[in-house]
PDB file of N, CA and C in Angstrom:
ATOM      1  N   UNK A   1       0.855  -1.157   0.401  1.00  0.00           N
ATOM      2  CA  UNK A   1       0.274   0.316  -0.345  1.00  0.00           C
ATOM      3  C   UNK A   1       0.775   0.992  -0.384  1.00  0.00           C
ATOM      4  N   UNK A   2       0.298   2.432  -0.905  1.00  0.00           N
ATOM      5  CA  UNK A   2       1.197   3.724  -1.185  1.00  0.00           C
ATOM      6  C   UNK A   2       0.967   4.254   0.392  1.00  0.00           C
ATOM      7  N   UNK A   3       2.353   4.776   0.505  1.00  0.00           N
ATOM      8  CA  UNK A   3       2.109   5.915   1.521  1.00  0.00           C
ATOM      9  C   UNK A   3       2.115   7.371   1.441  1.00  0.00           C
ATOM     10  N   UNK A   4       0.951   7.991   1.175  1.00  0.00           N
ATOM     11  CA  UNK A   4       1.199   9.534   1.081  1.00  0.00           C
ATOM     12  C   UNK A   4       2.199  10.368   2.014  1.00  0.00           C
ATOM     13  N   UNK A   5       2.209  11.217   1.702  1.00  0.00           N
ATOM     14  CA  UNK A   5       3.525  12.299   1.866  1.00  0.00           C
ATOM     15  C   UNK A   5       2.854  13.647   2.199  1.00  0.00           C
ATOM     16  N   UNK A   6       2.806  14.321   3.748  1.00  0.00           N
ATOM     17  CA  UNK A   6       2.656  15.199   3.895  1.00  0.00           C
ATOM     18  C   UNK A   6       3.229  16.446   4.302  1.00  0.00           C
ATOM     19  N   UNK A   7       3.090  17.284   4.939  1.00  0.00           N
ATOM     20  CA  UNK A   7       3.776  17.780   5.511  1.00  0.00           C
ATOM     21  C   UNK A   7       3.016  19.638   5.544  1.00  0.00           C
ATOM     22  N   UNK A   8       3.271  20.090   7.127  1.00  0.00           N
ATOM     23  CA  UNK A   8       2.489  21.525   7.149  1.00  0.00           C
ATOM     24  C   UNK A   8       4.342  21.908   6.968  1.00  0.00           C
ATOM     25  N   UNK A   9       3.805  23.598   6.699  1.00  0.00           N
ATOM     26  CA  UNK A   9       4.889  24.499   6.294  1.00  0.00           C
ATOM     27  C   UNK A   9       4.239  26.091   6.243  1.00  0.00           C
ATOM     28  N   UNK A  10       5.027  26.358   7.849  1.00  0.00           N
ATOM     29  CA  UNK A  10       4.746  28.129   7.921  1.00  0.00           C
ATOM     30  C   UNK A  10       5.909  29.186   7.357  1.00  0.00           C
ATOM     31  N   UNK A  11       5.421  29.838   6.266  1.00  0.00           N
ATOM     32  CA  UNK A  11       6.592  30.116   6.014  1.00  0.00           C
ATOM     33  C   UNK A  11       6.457  31.764   6.652  1.00  0.00           C
ATOM     34  N   UNK A  12       7.675  32.443   6.503  1.00  0.00           N
ATOM     35  CA  UNK A  12       8.052  33.852   6.980  1.00  0.00           C
ATOM     36  C   UNK A  12       7.138  33.793   7.945  1.00  0.00           C
ATOM     37  N   UNK A  13       7.283  33.282   9.568  1.00  0.00           N
ATOM     38  CA  UNK A  13       6.463  33.922  10.280  1.00  0.00           C
ATOM     39  C   UNK A  13       7.440  34.947  11.022  1.00  0.00           C
ATOM     40  N   UNK A  14       6.440  36.412  11.321  1.00  0.00           N
ATOM     41  CA  UNK A  14       7.809  37.408  11.540  1.00  0.00           C
ATOM     42  C   UNK A  14       7.324  37.362  12.676  1.00  0.00           C
ATOM     43  N   UNK A  15       8.838  37.247  13.477  1.00  0.00           N
ATOM     44  CA  UNK A  15       8.333  37.973  14.898  1.00  0.00           C
ATOM     45  C   UNK A  15       9.802  38.921  15.626  1.00  0.00           C
ATOM     46  N   UNK A  16       9.115  39.341  15.976  1.00  0.00           N
ATOM     47  CA  UNK A  16      10.085  40.687  16.711  1.00  0.00           C
ATOM     48  C   UNK A  16      10.823  40.615  18.287  1.00  0.00           C
ATOM     49  N   UNK A  17      12.378  40.049  17.676  1.00  0.00           N
ATOM     50  CA  UNK A  17      13.291  39.351  19.492  1.00  0.00           C
ATOM     51  C   UNK A  17      13.983  40.214  19.681  1.00  0.00           C
ATOM     52  N   UNK A  18      14.442  40.584  20.425  1.00  0.00           N
ATOM     53  CA  UNK A  18      15.337  40.909  21.004  1.00  0.00           C
ATOM     54  C   UNK A  18      16.718  40.139  21.360  1.00  0.00           C
ATOM     55  N   UNK A  19      16.932  40.774  20.335  1.00  0.00           N
ATOM     56  CA  UNK A  19      18.525  39.732  19.586  1.00  0.00           C
ATOM     57  C   UNK A  19      19.867  40.440  18.878  1.00  0.00           C
ATOM     58  N   UNK A  20      20.790  39.993  19.812  1.00  0.00           N
ATOM     59  CA  UNK A  20      22.374  39.781  19.111  1.00  0.00           C
ATOM     60  C   UNK A  20      23.172  39.931  20.386  1.00  0.00           C
ATOM     61  N   UNK A  21      24.503  39.812  19.954  1.00  0.00           N
ATOM     62  CA  UNK A  21      25.582  39.099  20.579  1.00  0.00           C
ATOM     63  C   UNK A  21      25.696  40.253  21.570  1.00  0.00           C
ATOM     64  N   UNK A  22      25.762  42.083  20.890  1.00  0.00           N
ATOM     65  CA  UNK A  22      26.438  42.716  21.659  1.00  0.00           C
ATOM     66  C   UNK A  22      25.144  43.579  22.522  1.00  0.00           C
ATOM     67  N   UNK A  23      25.477  44.376  24.378  1.00  0.00           N
ATOM     68  CA  UNK A  23      24.009  44.151  24.614  1.00  0.00           C
ATOM     69  C   UNK A  23      23.009  45.547  23.708  1.00  0.00           C
ATOM     70  N   UNK A  24      23.567  46.550  22.937  1.00  0.00           N
ATOM     71  CA  UNK A  24      23.707  47.318  22.322  1.00  0.00           C
ATOM     72  C   UNK A  24      22.770  46.966  20.874  1.00  0.00           C
ATOM     73  N   UNK A  25      22.770  45.293  21.039  1.00  0.00           N
ATOM     74  CA  UNK A  25      21.577  45.352  19.524  1.00  0.00           C
ATOM     75  C   UNK A  25      20.587  44.555  19.954  1.00  0.00           C
ATOM     76  N   UNK A  26      20.608  44.297  21.336  1.00  0.00           N
ATOM     77  CA  UNK A  26      19.244  43.749  21.762  1.00  0.00           C
ATOM     78  C   UNK A  26      18.817  45.006  22.862  1.00  0.00           C
ATOM     79  N   UNK A  27      18.830  45.995  22.449  1.00  0.00           N
ATOM     80  CA  UNK A  27      18.013  46.765  23.239  1.00  0.00           C
ATOM     81  C   UNK A  27      17.252  46.843  22.782  1.00  0.00           C
ATOM     82  N   UNK A  28      16.963  46.741  21.317  1.00  0.00           N
ATOM     83  CA  UNK A  28      16.261  47.110  20.029  1.00  0.00           C
ATOM     84  C   UNK A  28      14.966  45.822  19.650  1.00  0.00           C
ATOM     85  N   UNK A  29      13.843  45.785  19.118  1.00  0.00           N
ATOM     86  CA  UNK A  29      13.761  44.603  19.003  1.00  0.00           C
ATOM     87  C   UNK A  29      13.768  44.608  17.050  1.00  0.00           C
ATOM     88  N   UNK A  30      13.827  42.941  16.936  1.00  0.00           N
ATOM     89  CA  UNK A  30      14.140  43.024  15.266  1.00  0.00           C
ATOM     90  C   UNK A  30      13.813  42.138  14.830  1.00  0.00           C
ATOM     91  N   UNK A  31      12.695  42.271  13.540  1.00  0.00           N
ATOM     92  CA  UNK A  31      12.330  41.195  13.087  1.00  0.00           C
ATOM     93  C   UNK A  31      12.865  40.210  12.751  1.00  0.00           C
ATOM     94  N   UNK A  32      12.941  38.964  12.996  1.00  0.00           N
ATOM     95  CA  UNK A  32      13.282  38.183  12.160  1.00  0.00           C
ATOM     96  C   UNK A  32      12.291  36.829  11.724  1.00  0.00           C
ATOM     97  N   UNK A  33      12.506  36.148  10.862  1.00  0.00           N
ATOM     98  CA  UNK A  33      11.713  35.495  10.005  1.00  0.00           C
ATOM     99  C   UNK A  33      11.714  34.381  10.386  1.00  0.00           C
ATOM    100  N   UNK A  34      10.087  33.144  10.668  1.00  0.00           N
ATOM    101  CA  UNK A  34      10.460  31.895  11.303  1.00  0.00           C
ATOM    102  C   UNK A  34      10.278  30.881   9.723  1.00  0.00           C
ATOM    103  N   UNK A  35      10.721  30.027   9.389  1.00  0.00           N
ATOM    104  CA  UNK A  35      10.407  28.825   8.712  1.00  0.00           C
ATOM    105  C   UNK A  35      10.176  27.089   9.107  1.00  0.00           C
ATOM    106  N   UNK A  36       9.335  27.017   9.121  1.00  0.00           N
ATOM    107  CA  UNK A  36       8.740  25.831  10.144  1.00  0.00           C
ATOM    108  C   UNK A  36       8.211  25.093   9.054  1.00  0.00           C
ATOM    109  N   UNK A  37       8.433  24.158   8.954  1.00  0.00           N
ATOM    110  CA  UNK A  37       8.155  22.144   8.175  1.00  0.00           C
ATOM    111  C   UNK A  37       8.140  20.687   9.008  1.00  0.00           C
ATOM    112  N   UNK A  38       6.627  20.870   8.903  1.00  0.00           N
ATOM    113  CA  UNK A  38       6.596  20.170  10.259  1.00  0.00           C
ATOM    114  C   UNK A  38       5.836  18.647   9.270  1.00  0.00           C
ATOM    115  N   UNK A  39       6.694  17.579   9.120  1.00  0.00           N
ATOM    116  CA  UNK A  39       6.220  16.828   8.511  1.00  0.00           C
ATOM    117  C   UNK A  39       6.025  15.176   9.487  1.00  0.00           C
ATOM    118  N   UNK A  40       4.486  15.214   8.746  1.00  0.00           N
ATOM    119  CA  UNK A  40       3.655  13.598   9.286  1.00  0.00           C
ATOM    120  C   UNK A  40       4.301  12.429   8.975  1.00  0.00           C
ATOM    121  N   UNK A  41       5.060  11.328   9.727  1.00  0.00           N
ATOM    122  CA  UNK A  41       5.296  10.223   9.471  1.00  0.00           C
ATOM    123  C   UNK A  41       3.359   9.843   8.335  1.00  0.00           C
ATOM    124  N   UNK A  42       2.185  10.140   8.588  1.00  0.00           N
ATOM    125  CA  UNK A  42       1.622   9.491   7.415  1.00  0.00           C
ATOM    126  C   UNK A  42       1.109  10.586   7.532  1.00  0.00           C
ATOM    127  N   UNK A  43      -0.018  10.900   6.568  1.00  0.00           N
ATOM    128  CA  UNK A  43      -1.393  12.160   6.821  1.00  0.00           C
ATOM    129  C   UNK A  43      -2.241  12.004   7.848  1.00  0.00           C
ATOM    130  N   UNK A  44      -2.649  13.326   8.260  1.00  0.00           N
ATOM    131  CA  UNK A  44      -3.087  13.474   9.993  1.00  0.00           C
ATOM    132  C   UNK A  44      -4.531  13.188   8.983  1.00  0.00           C
ATOM    133  N   UNK A  45      -5.550  12.773  10.459  1.00  0.00           N
ATOM    134  CA  UNK A  45      -6.447  12.357   9.763  1.00  0.00           C
ATOM    135  C   UNK A  45      -7.675  13.501   9.187  1.00  0.00           C
ATOM    136  N   UNK A  46      -7.119  14.443   9.787  1.00  0.00           N
ATOM    137  CA  UNK A  46      -7.787  15.171   9.105  1.00  0.00           C
ATOM    138  C   UNK A  46      -8.160  15.710   7.981  1.00  0.00           C
ATOM    139  N   UNK A  47      -7.145  15.021   7.369  1.00  0.00           N
ATOM    140  CA  UNK A  47      -7.291  14.934   6.012  1.00  0.00           C
ATOM    141  C   UNK A  47      -8.280  14.357   5.022  1.00  0.00           C
ATOM    142  N   UNK A  48      -9.321  13.460   5.760  1.00  0.00           N
ATOM    143  CA  UNK A  48     -10.363  13.154   5.294  1.00  0.00           C
ATOM    144  C   UNK A  48     -11.233  13.491   6.099  1.00  0.00           C
ATOM    145  N   UNK A  49     -11.247  13.764   7.488  1.00  0.00           N
ATOM    146  CA  UNK A  49     -12.565  14.263   8.587  1.00  0.00           C
ATOM    147  C   UNK A  49     -12.331  15.278   8.535  1.00  0.00           C
ATOM    148  N   UNK A  50     -11.832  16.512   7.957  1.00  0.00           N
ATOM    149  CA  UNK A  50     -11.379  17.492   8.148  1.00  0.00           C
ATOM    150  C   UNK A  50     -12.213  18.213  10.096  1.00  0.00           C
ATOM    151  N   UNK A  51     -11.303  17.380  10.883  1.00  0.00           N
ATOM    152  CA  UNK A  51     -11.142  18.242  12.260  1.00  0.00           C
ATOM    153  C   UNK A  51     -10.222  18.834  12.482  1.00  0.00           C
ATOM    154  N   UNK A  52     -10.167  19.322  12.938  1.00  0.00           N
ATOM    155  CA  UNK A  52      -9.105  20.585  13.309  1.00  0.00           C
ATOM    156  C   UNK A  52      -7.915  19.768  14.793  1.00  0.00           C
ATOM    157  N   UNK A  53      -8.387  18.997  15.296  1.00  0.00           N
ATOM    158  CA  UNK A  53      -7.897  18.091  16.116  1.00  0.00           C
ATOM    159  C   UNK A  53      -7.339  16.774  16.165  1.00  0.00           C
ATOM    160  N   UNK A  54      -7.636  17.070  15.033  1.00  0.00           N
ATOM    161  CA  UNK A  54      -6.865  15.414  14.507  1.00  0.00           C
ATOM    162  C   UNK A  54      -4.898  15.784  13.252  1.00  0.00           C
ATOM    163  N   UNK A  55      -4.847  17.010  13.403  1.00  0.00           N
ATOM    164  CA  UNK A  55      -4.194  18.006  12.314  1.00  0.00           C
ATOM    165  C   UNK A  55      -3.544  18.968  13.401  1.00  0.00           C
ATOM    166  N   UNK A  56      -2.188  19.485  13.042  1.00  0.00           N
ATOM    167  CA  UNK A  56      -1.337  20.522  14.058  1.00  0.00           C
ATOM    168  C   UNK A  56      -2.126  21.614  13.714  1.00  0.00           C
ATOM    169  N   UNK A  57      -1.818  22.923  14.853  1.00  0.00           N
ATOM    170  CA  UNK A  57      -2.972  23.769  14.489  1.00  0.00           C
ATOM    171  C   UNK A  57      -1.929  25.236  14.567  1.00  0.00           C
ATOM    172  N   UNK A  58      -1.713  25.244  13.826  1.00  0.00           N
ATOM    173  CA  UNK A  58      -0.195  26.507  13.508  1.00  0.00           C
ATOM    174  C   UNK A  58      -0.673  27.027  14.469  1.00  0.00           C
ATOM    175  N   UNK A  59      -1.696  27.940  14.129  1.00  0.00           N
ATOM    176  CA  UNK A  59      -2.296  29.327  15.396  1.00  0.00           C
ATOM    177  C   UNK A  59      -2.096  29.232  16.609  1.00  0.00           C
ATOM    178  N   UNK A  60      -1.468  28.314  17.132  1.00  0.00           N
ATOM    179  CA  UNK A  60      -1.424  27.515  18.489  1.00  0.00           C
ATOM    180  C   UNK A  60       0.239  27.609  19.189  1.00  0.00           C
ATOM    181  N   UNK A  61       0.711  26.886  17.625  1.00  0.00           N
ATOM    182  CA  UNK A  61       1.917  27.032  17.779  1.00  0.00           C
ATOM    183  C   UNK A  61       2.321  28.186  16.933  1.00  0.00           C
ATOM    184  N   UNK A  62       2.544  28.554  16.244  1.00  0.00           N
ATOM    185  CA  UNK A  62       3.017  30.596  16.491  1.00  0.00           C
ATOM    186  C   UNK A  62       2.648  31.685  17.719  1.00  0.00           C
ATOM    187  N   UNK A  63       1.346  30.936  18.343  1.00  0.00           N
ATOM    188  CA  UNK A  63       1.935  31.614  19.631  1.00  0.00           C
ATOM    189  C   UNK A  63       2.146  31.284  20.272  1.00  0.00           C
ATOM    190  N   UNK A  64       2.493  30.074  21.004  1.00  0.00           N
ATOM    191  CA  UNK A  64       3.481  29.194  21.308  1.00  0.00           C
ATOM    192  C   UNK A  64       4.769  29.949  20.936  1.00  0.00           C
ATOM    193  N   UNK A  65       5.716  30.199  19.940  1.00  0.00           N
ATOM    194  CA  UNK A  65       6.651  30.355  19.323  1.00  0.00           C
ATOM    195  C   UNK A  65       6.471  32.323  19.883  1.00  0.00           C
ATOM    196  N   UNK A  66       5.803  33.049  19.760  1.00  0.00           N
ATOM    197  CA  UNK A  66       5.894  34.232  20.282  1.00  0.00           C
ATOM    198  C   UNK A  66       5.812  34.630  21.148  1.00  0.00           C
ATOM    199  N   UNK A  67       5.043  33.977  22.623  1.00  0.00           N
ATOM    200  CA  UNK A  67       5.111  34.296  23.702  1.00  0.00           C
ATOM    201  C   UNK A  67       6.944  33.910  23.868  1.00  0.00           C
ATOM    202  N   UNK A  68       7.597  31.871  23.364  1.00  0.00           N
ATOM    203  CA  UNK A  68       9.320  32.439  23.762  1.00  0.00           C
ATOM    204  C   UNK A  68      10.110  33.575  23.553  1.00  0.00           C
ATOM    205  N   UNK A  69       9.487  34.105  22.225  1.00  0.00           N
ATOM    206  CA  UNK A  69      10.477  35.536  21.709  1.00  0.00           C
ATOM    207  C   UNK A  69      10.295  36.723  22.358  1.00  0.00           C
ATOM    208  N   UNK A  70       9.469  36.590  23.600  1.00  0.00           N
ATOM    209  CA  UNK A  70       9.053  37.571  24.442  1.00  0.00           C
ATOM    210  C   UNK A  70      10.935  37.464  25.065  1.00  0.00           C
ATOM    211  N   UNK A  71      11.631  36.562  25.110  1.00  0.00           N
ATOM    212  CA  UNK A  71      13.066  36.142  26.072  1.00  0.00           C
ATOM    213  C   UNK A  71      13.745  36.979  25.354  1.00  0.00           C
ATOM    214  N   UNK A  72      14.312  37.367  25.344  1.00  0.00           N
ATOM    215  CA  UNK A  72      15.501  38.166  25.182  1.00  0.00           C
ATOM    216  C   UNK A  72      16.948  37.281  24.626  1.00  0.00           C
ATOM    217  N   UNK A  73      17.997  37.164  23.902  1.00  0.00           N
ATOM    218  CA  UNK A  73      18.475  36.049  22.916  1.00  0.00           C
ATOM    219  C   UNK A  73      19.764  36.874  22.704  1.00  0.00           C
ATOM    220  N   UNK A  74      20.712  35.991  23.127  1.00  0.00           N
ATOM    221  CA  UNK A  74      22.184  36.664  21.898  1.00  0.00           C
ATOM    222  C   UNK A  74      22.620  35.810  20.558  1.00  0.00           C
ATOM    223  N   UNK A  75      21.703  34.826  20.541  1.00  0.00           N
ATOM    224  CA  UNK A  75      22.120  33.943  19.863  1.00  0.00           C
ATOM    225  C   UNK A  75      21.185  33.419  18.329  1.00  0.00           C
ATOM    226  N   UNK A  76      21.260  33.456  17.277  1.00  0.00           N
ATOM    227  CA  UNK A  76      20.213  32.805  16.142  1.00  0.00           C
ATOM    228  C   UNK A  76      19.985  32.101  16.518  1.00  0.00           C
ATOM    229  N   UNK A  77      21.050  30.726  16.652  1.00  0.00           N
ATOM    230  CA  UNK A  77      21.304  29.374  16.779  1.00  0.00           C
ATOM    231  C   UNK A  77      20.676  28.578  18.051  1.00  0.00           C
ATOM    232  N   UNK A  78      21.323  29.359  19.016  1.00  0.00           N
ATOM    233  CA  UNK A  78      20.339  29.673  20.804  1.00  0.00           C
ATOM    234  C   UNK A  78      18.720  29.813  20.160  1.00  0.00           C
ATOM    235  N   UNK A  79      18.140  31.005  19.912  1.00  0.00           N
ATOM    236  CA  UNK A  79      17.007  30.995  19.325  1.00  0.00           C
ATOM    237  C   UNK A  79      16.062  29.661  18.410  1.00  0.00           C
ATOM    238  N   UNK A  80      16.756  29.020  17.570  1.00  0.00           N
ATOM    239  CA  UNK A  80      16.079  28.507  16.693  1.00  0.00           C
ATOM    240  C   UNK A  80      16.426  27.325  17.780  1.00  0.00           C
ATOM    241  N   UNK A  81      17.289  26.880  18.693  1.00  0.00           N
ATOM    242  CA  UNK A  81      16.800  25.838  19.516  1.00  0.00           C
ATOM    243  C   UNK A  81      16.244  25.806  20.001  1.00  0.00           C
ATOM    244  N   UNK A  82      16.009  26.676  21.218  1.00  0.00           N
ATOM    245  CA  UNK A  82      14.594  27.041  21.846  1.00  0.00           C
ATOM    246  C   UNK A  82      13.212  26.958  21.202  1.00  0.00           C
ATOM    247  N   UNK A  83      13.285  27.427  19.794  1.00  0.00           N
ATOM    248  CA  UNK A  83      12.448  27.063  19.343  1.00  0.00           C
ATOM    249  C   UNK A  83      11.764  25.644  19.023  1.00  0.00           C
ATOM    250  N   UNK A  84      12.744  25.112  19.047  1.00  0.00           N
ATOM    251  CA  UNK A  84      12.878  23.528  18.234  1.00  0.00           C
ATOM    252  C   UNK A  84      11.926  22.991  19.316  1.00  0.00           C
ATOM    253  N   UNK A  85      12.982  22.642  20.656  1.00  0.00           N
ATOM    254  CA  UNK A  85      12.276  22.012  21.546  1.00  0.00           C
ATOM    255  C   UNK A  85      10.831  22.898  22.534  1.00  0.00           C
ATOM    256  N   UNK A  86      10.491  23.949  21.921  1.00  0.00           N
ATOM    257  CA  UNK A  86       9.425  24.118  22.095  1.00  0.00           C
ATOM    258  C   UNK A  86       8.596  23.343  21.179  1.00  0.00           C
ATOM    259  N   UNK A  87       8.605  23.472  20.026  1.00  0.00           N
ATOM    260  CA  UNK A  87       7.581  22.874  19.081  1.00  0.00           C
ATOM    261  C   UNK A  87       7.426  20.865  19.476  1.00  0.00           C
ATOM    262  N   UNK A  88       9.555  20.986  19.258  1.00  0.00           N
ATOM    263  CA  UNK A  88       9.282  19.165  20.128  1.00  0.00           C
ATOM    264  C   UNK A  88       8.294  18.757  20.501  1.00  0.00           C
ATOM    265  N   UNK A  89       7.554  19.358  21.818  1.00  0.00           N
ATOM    266  CA  UNK A  89       7.275  19.046  23.253  1.00  0.00           C
ATOM    267  C   UNK A  89       6.060  19.093  22.948  1.00  0.00           C
ATOM    268  N   UNK A  90       5.490  19.495  21.983  1.00  0.00           N
ATOM    269  CA  UNK A  90       4.041  20.022  21.586  1.00  0.00           C
ATOM    270  C   UNK A  90       3.114  19.487  20.564  1.00  0.00           C
ATOM    271  N   UNK A  91       4.010  18.740  19.734  1.00  0.00           N
ATOM    272  CA  UNK A  91       4.249  17.343  19.062  1.00  0.00           C
ATOM    273  C   UNK A  91       4.079  15.913  19.099  1.00  0.00           C
ATOM    274  N   UNK A  92       3.371  15.077  18.539  1.00  0.00           N
ATOM    275  CA  UNK A  92       3.841  13.702  18.379  1.00  0.00           C
ATOM    276  C   UNK A  92       5.270  13.439  17.941  1.00  0.00           C
ATOM    277  N   UNK A  93       5.851  12.202  19.704  1.00  0.00           N
ATOM    278  CA  UNK A  93       7.269  12.538  18.744  1.00  0.00           C
ATOM    279  C   UNK A  93       7.811  12.100  17.087  1.00  0.00           C
ATOM    280  N   UNK A  94       6.998  11.173  16.524  1.00  0.00           N
ATOM    281  CA  UNK A  94       7.148  10.520  15.211  1.00  0.00           C
ATOM    282  C   UNK A  94       6.755  12.113  14.457  1.00  0.00           C
ATOM    283  N   UNK A  95       6.462  13.441  14.663  1.00  0.00           N
ATOM    284  CA  UNK A  95       6.954  13.909  13.600  1.00  0.00           C
ATOM    285  C   UNK A  95       7.657  14.532  14.115  1.00  0.00           C
ATOM    286  N   UNK A  96       8.571  14.788  12.079  1.00  0.00           N
ATOM    287  CA  UNK A  96      10.186  15.510  12.725  1.00  0.00           C
ATOM    288  C   UNK A  96       9.774  17.384  11.817  1.00  0.00           C
ATOM    289  N   UNK A  97      10.527  17.521  12.456  1.00  0.00           N
ATOM    290  CA  UNK A  97      10.299  19.307  12.315  1.00  0.00           C
ATOM    291  C   UNK A  97      11.666  19.658  11.987  1.00  0.00           C
ATOM    292  N   UNK A  98      11.888  20.927  11.465  1.00  0.00           N
ATOM    293  CA  UNK A  98      12.700  21.519  10.475  1.00  0.00           C
ATOM    294  C   UNK A  98      12.646  23.001  10.298  1.00  0.00           C
ATOM    295  N   UNK A  99      13.276  23.657  10.683  1.00  0.00           N
ATOM    296  CA  UNK A  99      12.902  25.238  10.843  1.00  0.00           C
ATOM    297  C   UNK A  99      14.181  26.209  11.115  1.00  0.00           C
ATOM    298  N   UNK A 100      13.958  27.118   9.886  1.00  0.00           N
ATOM    299  CA  UNK A 100      14.626  28.529   9.823  1.00  0.00           C
ATOM    300  C   UNK A 100      14.774  29.719   9.735  1.00  0.00           C
ATOM    301  N   UNK A 101      15.959  30.448  10.873  1.00  0.00           N
ATOM    302  CA  UNK A 101      15.718  31.287  10.755  1.00  0.00           C
ATOM    303  C   UNK A 101      16.462  32.598  10.367  1.00  0.00           C
ATOM    304  N   UNK A 102      15.494  33.415   9.996  1.00  0.00           N
ATOM    305  CA  UNK A 102      16.482  34.407   9.337  1.00  0.00           C
ATOM    306  C   UNK A 102      16.606  35.937   9.802  1.00  0.00           C
ATOM    307  N   UNK A 103      17.620  36.400  10.238  1.00  0.00           N
ATOM    308  CA  UNK A 103      17.442  37.419  10.025  1.00  0.00           C
ATOM    309  C   UNK A 103      18.785  38.519   9.896  1.00  0.00           C
ATOM    310  N   UNK A 104      18.271  39.924   9.280  1.00  0.00           N
ATOM    311  CA  UNK A 104      18.423  41.772   8.240  1.00  0.00           C
ATOM    312  C   UNK A 104      19.718  42.219   9.761  1.00  0.00           C
ATOM    313  N   UNK A 105      20.423  41.563  10.178  1.00  0.00           N
ATOM    314  CA  UNK A 105      21.383  42.255  10.955  1.00  0.00           C
ATOM    315  C   UNK A 105      22.097  43.620  10.577  1.00  0.00           C
ATOM    316  N   UNK A 106      21.128  44.759  11.620  1.00  0.00           N
ATOM    317  CA  UNK A 106      21.661  46.112  11.486  1.00  0.00           C
ATOM    318  C   UNK A 106      22.848  46.180  11.242  1.00  0.00           C
ATOM    319  N   UNK A 107      23.563  45.882  11.625  1.00  0.00           N
ATOM    320  CA  UNK A 107      25.080  46.042  11.703  1.00  0.00           C
ATOM    321  C   UNK A 107      26.303  45.854  10.639  1.00  0.00           C
ATOM    322  N   UNK A 108      24.769  44.658   9.704  1.00  0.00           N
ATOM    323  CA  UNK A 108      26.180  44.729   8.763  1.00  0.00           C
ATOM    324  C   UNK A 108      24.514  45.292   7.383  1.00  0.00           C
ATOM    325  N   UNK A 109      24.830  46.833   7.578  1.00  0.00           N
ATOM    326  CA  UNK A 109      24.027  46.965   5.878  1.00  0.00           C
ATOM    327  C   UNK A 109      24.428  45.864   4.644  1.00  0.00           C
ATOM    328  N   UNK A 110      25.193  46.075   3.771  1.00  0.00           N
ATOM    329  CA  UNK A 110      25.100  45.308   2.849  1.00  0.00           C
ATOM    330  C   UNK A 110      24.351  43.990   2.773  1.00  0.00           C
ATOM    331  N   UNK A 111      24.641  43.399   3.569  1.00  0.00           N
ATOM    332  CA  UNK A 111      23.806  41.597   3.891  1.00  0.00           C
ATOM    333  C   UNK A 111      22.584  41.503   3.270  1.00  0.00           C
ATOM    334  N   UNK A 112      21.828  41.867   1.942  1.00  0.00           N
ATOM    335  CA  UNK A 112      20.505  42.265   1.501  1.00  0.00           C
ATOM    336  C   UNK A 112      19.181  41.179   2.304  1.00  0.00           C
ATOM    337  N   UNK A 113      19.992  39.938   1.703  1.00  0.00           N
ATOM    338  CA  UNK A 113      18.685  38.377   2.484  1.00  0.00           C
ATOM    339  C   UNK A 113      19.197  38.223   4.288  1.00  0.00           C
ATOM    340  N   UNK A 114      19.798  38.894   4.547  1.00  0.00           N
ATOM    341  CA  UNK A 114      20.372  38.606   5.960  1.00  0.00           C
ATOM    342  C   UNK A 114      20.998  37.241   5.542  1.00  0.00           C
ATOM    343  N   UNK A 115      20.881  36.338   7.141  1.00  0.00           N
ATOM    344  CA  UNK A 115      21.241  35.651   7.677  1.00  0.00           C
ATOM    345  C   UNK A 115      20.474  34.849   7.977  1.00  0.00           C
ATOM    346  N   UNK A 116      20.996  33.011   7.528  1.00  0.00           N
ATOM    347  CA  UNK A 116      19.779  32.534   7.871  1.00  0.00           C
ATOM    348  C   UNK A 116      20.298  31.558   9.082  1.00  0.00           C
ATOM    349  N   UNK A 117      20.001  30.193   9.716  1.00  0.00           N
ATOM    350  CA  UNK A 117      20.286  28.981  10.435  1.00  0.00           C
ATOM    351  C   UNK A 117      18.869  27.859  10.973  1.00  0.00           C
ATOM    352  N   UNK A 118      19.583  26.719  10.500  1.00  0.00           N
ATOM    353  CA  UNK A 118      18.363  26.013   9.532  1.00  0.00           C
ATOM    354  C   UNK A 118      18.627  25.109  11.080  1.00  0.00           C
ATOM    355  N   UNK A 119      17.798  24.520  11.366  1.00  0.00           N
ATOM    356  CA  UNK A 119      17.537  23.977  12.909  1.00  0.00           C
ATOM    357  C   UNK A 119      16.789  22.153  12.449  1.00  0.00           C
ATOM    358  N   UNK A 120      16.918  21.345  12.714  1.00  0.00           N
ATOM    359  CA  UNK A 120      15.910  20.372  13.505  1.00  0.00           C
ATOM    360  C   UNK A 120      15.846  18.932  12.936  1.00  0.00           C
ATOM    361  N   UNK A 121      15.331  17.659  12.302  1.00  0.00           N
ATOM    362  CA  UNK A 121      15.257  16.215  12.711  1.00  0.00           C
ATOM    363  C   UNK A 121      16.251  16.551  11.639  1.00  0.00           C
ATOM    364  N   UNK A 122      16.186  16.847   9.951  1.00  0.00           N
ATOM    365  CA  UNK A 122      16.742  16.120   8.339  1.00  0.00           C
ATOM    366  C   UNK A 122      17.870  17.309   7.611  1.00  0.00           C
ATOM    367  N   UNK A 123      17.779  17.153   7.603  1.00  0.00           N
ATOM    368  CA  UNK A 123      18.832  18.131   6.026  1.00  0.00           C
ATOM    369  C   UNK A 123      18.087  18.791   5.591  1.00  0.00           C
ATOM    370  N   UNK A 124      17.336  19.766   5.608  1.00  0.00           N
ATOM    371  CA  UNK A 124      16.987  20.873   4.405  1.00  0.00           C
ATOM    372  C   UNK A 124      17.667  21.371   3.430  1.00  0.00           C
ATOM    373  N   UNK A 125      17.088  21.324   2.426  1.00  0.00           N
ATOM    374  CA  UNK A 125      17.370  21.874   1.003  1.00  0.00           C
ATOM    375  C   UNK A 125      16.896  23.054   0.728  1.00  0.00           C
ATOM    376  N   UNK A 126      16.802  24.036   0.121  1.00  0.00           N
ATOM    377  CA  UNK A 126      16.277  25.254  -0.150  1.00  0.00           C
ATOM    378  C   UNK A 126      17.085  25.282  -1.363  1.00  0.00           C
TER     379      UNK A 126
END
């Protein structure tokens, strides 16, 4: 029997975070974008029953992440790890997640597309 693949992907969830190595950089909130991919081992039952309780509520996840980012962070890598841990504990253990955080550091004016850090359960190619 063929298995269908399924995933939910959040694209560029905008987060306002006090982030940066020097204290001066952390003093002002920066816009960070989160891309999140949630890969299911099998399609959620919601595919056939149209019931939100049988899938992942991405609105709930985005609110959890937004709450987390009220804290201050020095490094993008640490923020990615914290988001990963938060999401993992709110999903079934068989679910795989990958995330990408992107920031446009104020200290690097010529960096047009910013800096991204990837973290997750699988290699994630773009």
